[in-house]
N, C-alpha and C. Protein backbone atom coordinates (compact mmCIF):
# COMPACT_ATOMS: atom_id res chain seq x y z
N MET A 1 0.85 -1.16 0.00
CA MET A 1 0.00 0.00 0.00
C MET A 1 0.90 1.23 0.00
N ARG A 2 0.53 2.20 -0.79
CA ARG A 2 1.26 3.47 -0.87
C ARG A 2 0.34 4.61 -0.51
N ALA A 3 0.90 5.54 0.27
CA ALA A 3 0.16 6.74 0.63
C ALA A 3 1.04 7.95 0.36
N LEU A 4 0.55 8.85 -0.46
CA LEU A 4 1.20 10.13 -0.67
C LEU A 4 0.52 11.08 0.31
N ILE A 5 1.27 11.48 1.34
CA ILE A 5 0.72 12.26 2.45
C ILE A 5 1.17 13.70 2.30
N GLN A 6 0.19 14.61 2.25
CA GLN A 6 0.48 16.03 2.08
C GLN A 6 -0.11 16.83 3.23
N ARG A 7 0.74 17.64 3.86
CA ARG A 7 0.26 18.56 4.89
C ARG A 7 -0.45 19.71 4.20
N VAL A 8 -1.67 20.02 4.63
CA VAL A 8 -2.47 21.02 3.93
C VAL A 8 -3.11 22.02 4.90
N THR A 9 -3.41 23.19 4.35
CA THR A 9 -4.25 24.15 5.07
C THR A 9 -5.72 23.85 4.81
N SER A 10 -6.00 23.22 3.65
CA SER A 10 -7.36 22.77 3.33
C SER A 10 -7.30 21.86 2.11
N GLY A 11 -8.37 21.12 1.91
CA GLY A 11 -8.46 20.25 0.74
C GLY A 11 -9.92 19.87 0.51
N SER A 12 -10.21 19.52 -0.74
CA SER A 12 -11.57 19.07 -1.06
C SER A 12 -11.53 18.16 -2.27
N VAL A 13 -12.58 17.38 -2.41
CA VAL A 13 -12.75 16.52 -3.57
C VAL A 13 -14.15 16.74 -4.11
N THR A 14 -14.21 16.93 -5.43
CA THR A 14 -15.47 17.18 -6.13
C THR A 14 -15.71 16.07 -7.14
N VAL A 15 -16.95 15.59 -7.18
CA VAL A 15 -17.35 14.57 -8.15
C VAL A 15 -18.61 15.06 -8.84
N GLY A 16 -18.56 15.15 -10.15
CA GLY A 16 -19.73 15.58 -10.91
C GLY A 16 -20.22 16.96 -10.51
N GLY A 17 -19.30 17.85 -10.19
CA GLY A 17 -19.66 19.22 -9.82
C GLY A 17 -20.12 19.39 -8.37
N GLU A 18 -20.14 18.29 -7.60
CA GLU A 18 -20.60 18.33 -6.20
C GLU A 18 -19.43 18.03 -5.27
N VAL A 19 -19.21 18.90 -4.27
CA VAL A 19 -18.16 18.65 -3.28
C VAL A 19 -18.59 17.46 -2.44
N ARG A 20 -17.76 16.42 -2.43
CA ARG A 20 -18.09 15.19 -1.71
C ARG A 20 -17.30 15.03 -0.43
N GLY A 21 -16.17 15.73 -0.32
CA GLY A 21 -15.36 15.67 0.89
C GLY A 21 -14.57 16.95 1.01
N GLN A 22 -14.44 17.46 2.23
CA GLN A 22 -13.74 18.73 2.42
C GLN A 22 -13.15 18.76 3.82
N ILE A 23 -11.92 19.28 3.94
CA ILE A 23 -11.28 19.41 5.25
C ILE A 23 -10.61 20.78 5.37
N GLY A 24 -10.32 21.14 6.60
CA GLY A 24 -9.48 22.29 6.89
C GLY A 24 -8.07 21.80 7.11
N LYS A 25 -7.40 22.31 8.13
CA LYS A 25 -6.01 21.96 8.40
C LYS A 25 -5.88 20.47 8.70
N GLY A 26 -4.89 19.86 8.04
CA GLY A 26 -4.66 18.44 8.25
C GLY A 26 -3.86 17.84 7.14
N LEU A 27 -4.33 16.67 6.67
CA LEU A 27 -3.61 15.92 5.65
C LEU A 27 -4.54 15.54 4.50
N VAL A 28 -4.02 15.64 3.29
CA VAL A 28 -4.64 14.97 2.15
C VAL A 28 -3.80 13.73 1.90
N VAL A 29 -4.45 12.58 1.91
CA VAL A 29 -3.76 11.30 1.71
C VAL A 29 -4.30 10.66 0.44
N LEU A 30 -3.42 10.54 -0.56
CA LEU A 30 -3.75 9.82 -1.78
C LEU A 30 -3.30 8.38 -1.56
N LEU A 31 -4.21 7.41 -1.68
CA LEU A 31 -3.94 6.03 -1.28
C LEU A 31 -4.02 5.08 -2.46
N GLY A 32 -2.96 4.33 -2.67
CA GLY A 32 -2.92 3.29 -3.70
C GLY A 32 -2.80 1.92 -3.06
N VAL A 33 -3.46 0.94 -3.66
CA VAL A 33 -3.47 -0.43 -3.13
C VAL A 33 -2.96 -1.37 -4.21
N THR A 34 -2.10 -2.32 -3.82
CA THR A 34 -1.59 -3.32 -4.74
C THR A 34 -2.17 -4.69 -4.37
N HIS A 35 -1.91 -5.69 -5.21
CA HIS A 35 -2.51 -7.02 -5.09
C HIS A 35 -2.22 -7.73 -3.77
N THR A 36 -1.05 -7.53 -3.22
CA THR A 36 -0.65 -8.27 -2.02
C THR A 36 -1.03 -7.57 -0.72
N ASP A 37 -1.68 -6.42 -0.79
CA ASP A 37 -2.04 -5.70 0.42
C ASP A 37 -3.14 -6.42 1.20
N ASP A 38 -3.11 -6.21 2.51
CA ASP A 38 -4.07 -6.84 3.40
C ASP A 38 -4.37 -5.89 4.55
N THR A 39 -5.10 -6.37 5.56
CA THR A 39 -5.45 -5.50 6.68
C THR A 39 -4.23 -5.03 7.45
N LYS A 40 -3.16 -5.81 7.47
CA LYS A 40 -1.92 -5.37 8.13
C LYS A 40 -1.36 -4.14 7.43
N ALA A 41 -1.42 -4.12 6.12
CA ALA A 41 -0.96 -2.94 5.36
C ALA A 41 -1.85 -1.74 5.69
N ALA A 42 -3.15 -1.96 5.79
CA ALA A 42 -4.08 -0.87 6.13
C ALA A 42 -3.77 -0.33 7.52
N GLU A 43 -3.50 -1.21 8.47
CA GLU A 43 -3.15 -0.78 9.83
C GLU A 43 -1.87 0.04 9.84
N TYR A 44 -0.87 -0.41 9.08
CA TYR A 44 0.41 0.29 9.01
C TYR A 44 0.21 1.70 8.45
N ILE A 45 -0.50 1.81 7.34
CA ILE A 45 -0.70 3.11 6.70
C ILE A 45 -1.54 4.03 7.59
N ALA A 46 -2.59 3.52 8.19
CA ALA A 46 -3.42 4.35 9.08
C ALA A 46 -2.59 4.87 10.24
N SER A 47 -1.77 4.02 10.81
CA SER A 47 -0.92 4.42 11.93
C SER A 47 0.07 5.51 11.50
N LYS A 48 0.70 5.33 10.35
CA LYS A 48 1.64 6.34 9.84
C LYS A 48 0.94 7.67 9.60
N CYS A 49 -0.22 7.63 8.99
CA CYS A 49 -0.96 8.87 8.71
C CYS A 49 -1.30 9.59 10.00
N ALA A 50 -1.74 8.86 11.00
CA ALA A 50 -2.15 9.45 12.27
C ALA A 50 -0.98 9.98 13.08
N GLU A 51 0.16 9.28 13.03
CA GLU A 51 1.26 9.56 13.96
C GLU A 51 2.45 10.28 13.35
N LEU A 52 2.51 10.40 12.03
CA LEU A 52 3.67 11.04 11.40
C LEU A 52 3.77 12.49 11.87
N ARG A 53 4.91 12.86 12.43
CA ARG A 53 5.10 14.19 13.02
C ARG A 53 5.58 15.16 11.94
N ILE A 54 4.63 15.79 11.26
CA ILE A 54 4.97 16.69 10.15
C ILE A 54 4.36 18.08 10.31
N PHE A 55 3.86 18.37 11.51
CA PHE A 55 3.35 19.70 11.81
C PHE A 55 4.29 20.36 12.81
N GLU A 56 4.45 21.66 12.68
CA GLU A 56 5.40 22.39 13.51
C GLU A 56 4.88 22.63 14.92
N ASP A 57 5.81 22.52 15.88
CA ASP A 57 5.50 22.88 17.26
C ASP A 57 5.80 24.37 17.46
N ASP A 58 5.77 24.83 18.71
CA ASP A 58 6.00 26.25 19.01
C ASP A 58 7.41 26.72 18.64
N GLN A 59 8.35 25.77 18.54
CA GLN A 59 9.73 26.12 18.18
C GLN A 59 9.99 25.97 16.68
N GLY A 60 8.95 25.67 15.90
CA GLY A 60 9.09 25.53 14.47
C GLY A 60 9.65 24.19 14.02
N LYS A 61 9.72 23.22 14.92
CA LYS A 61 10.22 21.88 14.59
C LYS A 61 9.04 20.98 14.23
N LEU A 62 9.29 20.05 13.32
CA LEU A 62 8.25 19.10 12.93
C LEU A 62 8.12 18.04 14.02
N ASN A 63 7.32 18.34 15.02
CA ASN A 63 7.17 17.47 16.19
C ASN A 63 5.74 17.04 16.46
N LEU A 64 4.79 17.51 15.67
CA LEU A 64 3.38 17.23 15.96
C LEU A 64 2.73 16.43 14.84
N SER A 65 1.83 15.55 15.23
CA SER A 65 1.08 14.73 14.27
C SER A 65 -0.28 15.37 14.00
N VAL A 66 -1.00 14.82 13.05
CA VAL A 66 -2.37 15.29 12.78
C VAL A 66 -3.25 15.05 14.00
N GLU A 67 -2.97 13.99 14.75
CA GLU A 67 -3.72 13.76 16.00
C GLU A 67 -3.43 14.87 17.01
N ASP A 68 -2.14 15.23 17.13
CA ASP A 68 -1.74 16.25 18.10
C ASP A 68 -2.40 17.60 17.84
N ILE A 69 -2.53 17.96 16.57
CA ILE A 69 -3.09 19.28 16.23
C ILE A 69 -4.61 19.24 16.08
N LYS A 70 -5.20 18.06 16.29
CA LYS A 70 -6.65 17.88 16.12
C LYS A 70 -7.07 18.23 14.69
N GLY A 71 -6.23 17.78 13.73
CA GLY A 71 -6.50 18.04 12.33
C GLY A 71 -7.43 17.01 11.71
N GLU A 72 -7.63 17.16 10.42
CA GLU A 72 -8.54 16.30 9.66
C GLU A 72 -7.75 15.60 8.55
N ILE A 73 -8.35 14.57 7.99
CA ILE A 73 -7.74 13.86 6.87
C ILE A 73 -8.76 13.74 5.74
N LEU A 74 -8.30 14.08 4.53
CA LEU A 74 -9.06 13.81 3.31
C LEU A 74 -8.38 12.63 2.65
N LEU A 75 -9.07 11.49 2.60
CA LEU A 75 -8.53 10.25 2.05
C LEU A 75 -9.12 10.03 0.66
N VAL A 76 -8.22 9.92 -0.33
CA VAL A 76 -8.64 9.81 -1.72
C VAL A 76 -7.99 8.57 -2.35
N SER A 77 -8.78 7.70 -2.95
CA SER A 77 -8.22 6.53 -3.63
C SER A 77 -7.48 6.99 -4.88
N GLN A 78 -6.32 6.37 -5.13
CA GLN A 78 -5.49 6.79 -6.26
C GLN A 78 -4.71 5.60 -6.81
N PHE A 79 -5.35 4.84 -7.70
CA PHE A 79 -4.70 3.65 -8.25
C PHE A 79 -3.45 3.99 -9.05
N THR A 80 -3.34 5.22 -9.54
CA THR A 80 -2.18 5.59 -10.35
C THR A 80 -0.88 5.63 -9.55
N LEU A 81 -0.96 5.57 -8.21
CA LEU A 81 0.26 5.47 -7.42
C LEU A 81 1.00 4.17 -7.70
N TYR A 82 0.31 3.20 -8.26
CA TYR A 82 0.93 1.94 -8.66
C TYR A 82 1.12 1.86 -10.18
N GLY A 83 1.08 3.00 -10.85
CA GLY A 83 1.36 3.03 -12.28
C GLY A 83 2.86 2.96 -12.53
N SER A 84 3.24 2.22 -13.54
CA SER A 84 4.65 2.12 -13.92
C SER A 84 4.86 2.83 -15.26
N THR A 85 5.90 3.66 -15.30
CA THR A 85 6.25 4.38 -16.53
C THR A 85 7.61 3.92 -17.06
N ARG A 86 8.07 2.77 -16.62
CA ARG A 86 9.41 2.28 -17.01
C ARG A 86 9.53 1.97 -18.50
N LYS A 87 8.47 1.44 -19.09
CA LYS A 87 8.54 1.05 -20.50
C LYS A 87 7.52 1.86 -21.30
N GLY A 88 7.96 2.37 -22.44
CA GLY A 88 7.05 3.06 -23.34
C GLY A 88 6.58 4.39 -22.80
N ARG A 89 5.50 4.87 -23.41
CA ARG A 89 4.96 6.18 -23.03
C ARG A 89 3.60 6.09 -22.36
N ARG A 90 3.02 4.92 -22.36
CA ARG A 90 1.72 4.73 -21.71
C ARG A 90 1.95 3.98 -20.40
N PRO A 91 1.49 4.53 -19.28
CA PRO A 91 1.69 3.85 -17.99
C PRO A 91 0.99 2.50 -17.95
N SER A 92 1.60 1.58 -17.22
CA SER A 92 1.01 0.28 -16.95
C SER A 92 0.48 0.29 -15.53
N PHE A 93 -0.70 -0.25 -15.33
CA PHE A 93 -1.30 -0.28 -14.00
C PHE A 93 -1.44 -1.71 -13.49
N ASP A 94 -0.59 -2.61 -13.98
CA ASP A 94 -0.65 -4.01 -13.58
C ASP A 94 -0.48 -4.21 -12.08
N ALA A 95 0.29 -3.34 -11.43
CA ALA A 95 0.55 -3.50 -9.99
C ALA A 95 -0.60 -2.98 -9.13
N ALA A 96 -1.52 -2.24 -9.71
CA ALA A 96 -2.66 -1.72 -8.94
C ALA A 96 -3.69 -2.83 -8.73
N ALA A 97 -4.17 -2.93 -7.52
CA ALA A 97 -5.19 -3.94 -7.21
C ALA A 97 -6.51 -3.57 -7.87
N PRO A 98 -7.30 -4.56 -8.27
CA PRO A 98 -8.63 -4.26 -8.80
C PRO A 98 -9.53 -3.69 -7.70
N GLY A 99 -10.57 -3.01 -8.10
CA GLY A 99 -11.47 -2.37 -7.15
C GLY A 99 -12.02 -3.32 -6.09
N SER A 100 -12.26 -4.57 -6.46
CA SER A 100 -12.82 -5.52 -5.50
C SER A 100 -11.85 -5.81 -4.35
N VAL A 101 -10.56 -5.62 -4.58
CA VAL A 101 -9.55 -5.79 -3.53
C VAL A 101 -9.26 -4.44 -2.87
N ALA A 102 -9.14 -3.40 -3.68
CA ALA A 102 -8.70 -2.10 -3.18
C ALA A 102 -9.76 -1.38 -2.34
N GLU A 103 -11.01 -1.42 -2.77
CA GLU A 103 -12.03 -0.64 -2.06
C GLU A 103 -12.21 -1.04 -0.60
N PRO A 104 -12.30 -2.33 -0.27
CA PRO A 104 -12.43 -2.68 1.14
C PRO A 104 -11.22 -2.23 1.98
N LEU A 105 -10.03 -2.27 1.41
CA LEU A 105 -8.84 -1.84 2.15
C LEU A 105 -8.82 -0.33 2.31
N TYR A 106 -9.24 0.39 1.30
CA TYR A 106 -9.38 1.85 1.38
C TYR A 106 -10.37 2.21 2.49
N GLU A 107 -11.50 1.53 2.52
CA GLU A 107 -12.51 1.76 3.56
C GLU A 107 -11.97 1.40 4.94
N GLU A 108 -11.13 0.36 5.00
CA GLU A 108 -10.54 -0.04 6.28
C GLU A 108 -9.60 1.04 6.81
N VAL A 109 -8.80 1.65 5.94
CA VAL A 109 -7.92 2.74 6.37
C VAL A 109 -8.76 3.88 6.93
N ALA A 110 -9.83 4.25 6.24
CA ALA A 110 -10.72 5.32 6.72
C ALA A 110 -11.31 4.96 8.08
N ARG A 111 -11.76 3.72 8.24
CA ARG A 111 -12.35 3.26 9.50
C ARG A 111 -11.34 3.33 10.64
N LEU A 112 -10.12 2.86 10.38
CA LEU A 112 -9.08 2.86 11.41
C LEU A 112 -8.74 4.28 11.86
N LEU A 113 -8.68 5.20 10.91
CA LEU A 113 -8.40 6.60 11.25
C LEU A 113 -9.54 7.20 12.07
N ARG A 114 -10.76 6.92 11.66
CA ARG A 114 -11.92 7.43 12.41
C ARG A 114 -11.96 6.86 13.83
N ASN A 115 -11.58 5.58 13.96
CA ASN A 115 -11.56 4.96 15.28
C ASN A 115 -10.57 5.64 16.22
N ARG A 116 -9.59 6.33 15.66
CA ARG A 116 -8.62 7.08 16.46
C ARG A 116 -9.13 8.47 16.80
N GLY A 117 -10.34 8.80 16.34
CA GLY A 117 -10.93 10.10 16.63
C GLY A 117 -10.58 11.19 15.63
N ILE A 118 -9.99 10.80 14.51
CA ILE A 118 -9.62 11.77 13.48
C ILE A 118 -10.79 11.94 12.52
N PRO A 119 -11.26 13.17 12.29
CA PRO A 119 -12.29 13.37 11.27
C PRO A 119 -11.73 13.03 9.89
N VAL A 120 -12.42 12.16 9.17
CA VAL A 120 -11.97 11.71 7.85
C VAL A 120 -13.05 11.99 6.82
N ALA A 121 -12.67 12.75 5.79
CA ALA A 121 -13.54 12.95 4.62
C ALA A 121 -12.97 12.09 3.51
N THR A 122 -13.82 11.67 2.58
CA THR A 122 -13.35 10.82 1.49
C THR A 122 -13.90 11.32 0.16
N GLY A 123 -13.27 10.80 -0.87
CA GLY A 123 -13.80 10.99 -2.21
C GLY A 123 -14.79 9.87 -2.49
N VAL A 124 -14.99 9.57 -3.75
CA VAL A 124 -15.87 8.48 -4.17
C VAL A 124 -14.99 7.45 -4.86
N PHE A 125 -14.89 6.27 -4.28
CA PHE A 125 -13.99 5.25 -4.81
C PHE A 125 -14.29 4.98 -6.27
N GLY A 126 -13.27 5.02 -7.11
CA GLY A 126 -13.39 4.69 -8.52
C GLY A 126 -13.96 5.78 -9.40
N ALA A 127 -14.36 6.91 -8.81
CA ALA A 127 -14.96 7.99 -9.60
C ALA A 127 -13.89 8.91 -10.16
N LEU A 128 -14.24 9.64 -11.20
CA LEU A 128 -13.40 10.71 -11.71
C LEU A 128 -13.58 11.89 -10.76
N MET A 129 -12.49 12.29 -10.11
CA MET A 129 -12.58 13.31 -9.06
C MET A 129 -11.67 14.49 -9.39
N GLN A 130 -12.07 15.65 -8.93
CA GLN A 130 -11.21 16.82 -8.95
C GLN A 130 -10.82 17.06 -7.49
N VAL A 131 -9.51 17.03 -7.25
CA VAL A 131 -9.00 17.16 -5.89
C VAL A 131 -8.30 18.50 -5.78
N GLU A 132 -8.75 19.30 -4.83
CA GLU A 132 -8.12 20.59 -4.56
C GLU A 132 -7.28 20.45 -3.30
N ILE A 133 -5.99 20.75 -3.45
CA ILE A 133 -5.04 20.58 -2.36
C ILE A 133 -4.30 21.89 -2.14
N HIS A 134 -4.38 22.41 -0.93
CA HIS A 134 -3.62 23.60 -0.57
C HIS A 134 -2.48 23.13 0.32
N ASN A 135 -1.42 22.64 -0.36
CA ASN A 135 -0.26 22.06 0.31
C ASN A 135 0.41 23.12 1.15
N ASP A 136 0.72 22.79 2.39
CA ASP A 136 1.31 23.71 3.34
C ASP A 136 2.79 23.40 3.48
N GLY A 137 3.62 24.25 2.97
CA GLY A 137 5.07 24.07 3.10
C GLY A 137 5.80 24.32 1.80
N PRO A 138 5.71 23.51 0.81
CA PRO A 138 5.00 22.23 0.72
C PRO A 138 5.68 21.13 1.54
N VAL A 139 4.85 20.32 2.16
CA VAL A 139 5.33 19.16 2.92
C VAL A 139 4.60 17.95 2.36
N THR A 140 5.36 17.04 1.75
CA THR A 140 4.79 15.85 1.11
C THR A 140 5.71 14.66 1.36
N PHE A 141 5.12 13.53 1.77
CA PHE A 141 5.89 12.31 2.01
C PHE A 141 5.20 11.13 1.34
N MET A 142 6.02 10.21 0.80
CA MET A 142 5.51 8.94 0.28
C MET A 142 5.77 7.89 1.36
N VAL A 143 4.71 7.19 1.76
CA VAL A 143 4.83 6.13 2.75
C VAL A 143 4.37 4.85 2.08
N GLU A 144 5.14 3.78 2.30
CA GLU A 144 4.79 2.51 1.71
C GLU A 144 4.81 1.44 2.79
N SER A 145 3.78 0.62 2.82
CA SER A 145 3.73 -0.46 3.82
C SER A 145 4.76 -1.52 3.46
N PRO A 146 5.28 -2.20 4.47
CA PRO A 146 6.24 -3.27 4.20
C PRO A 146 5.57 -4.40 3.41
N ALA A 147 6.37 -5.08 2.60
CA ALA A 147 5.85 -6.23 1.84
C ALA A 147 5.45 -7.31 2.83
N PRO A 148 4.36 -8.02 2.54
CA PRO A 148 3.94 -9.09 3.45
C PRO A 148 4.97 -10.23 3.49
N VAL A 149 5.07 -10.87 4.63
CA VAL A 149 5.98 -12.00 4.78
C VAL A 149 5.31 -13.22 4.15
N GLN A 150 6.03 -13.86 3.26
CA GLN A 150 5.47 -15.04 2.56
C GLN A 150 5.77 -16.31 3.29
């Protein structure tokens, strides 16, 4: 599982001209799921999103998490995070999990974050979305769950 985590002053997602999710200060998390992901990967990503210390404290150091600042998360499904551009000019999405695998894990990440008391807004899984991101910093990190043990 891959999460592109962006610290934001605000963010929103619009589908068909209607705002479907909107947050103030917090994180926009673009989430990609691959074939081998499972609930352990969802737990890892949810924990990283909640606990990653990327907000400034009173001394200007990155010491606070989204939980610490009582921020919000906008979680958006993004299968293109598993797109490969190594060969040719058209990306391959072979590594992206199909919706039947990805959607329940996406929902699990949202559930885990909400269970921690973090307000979570979402887009619409599989829809064509317009995502507005007001990146703060800019501060952006790519987080990837460890590969499952075989």
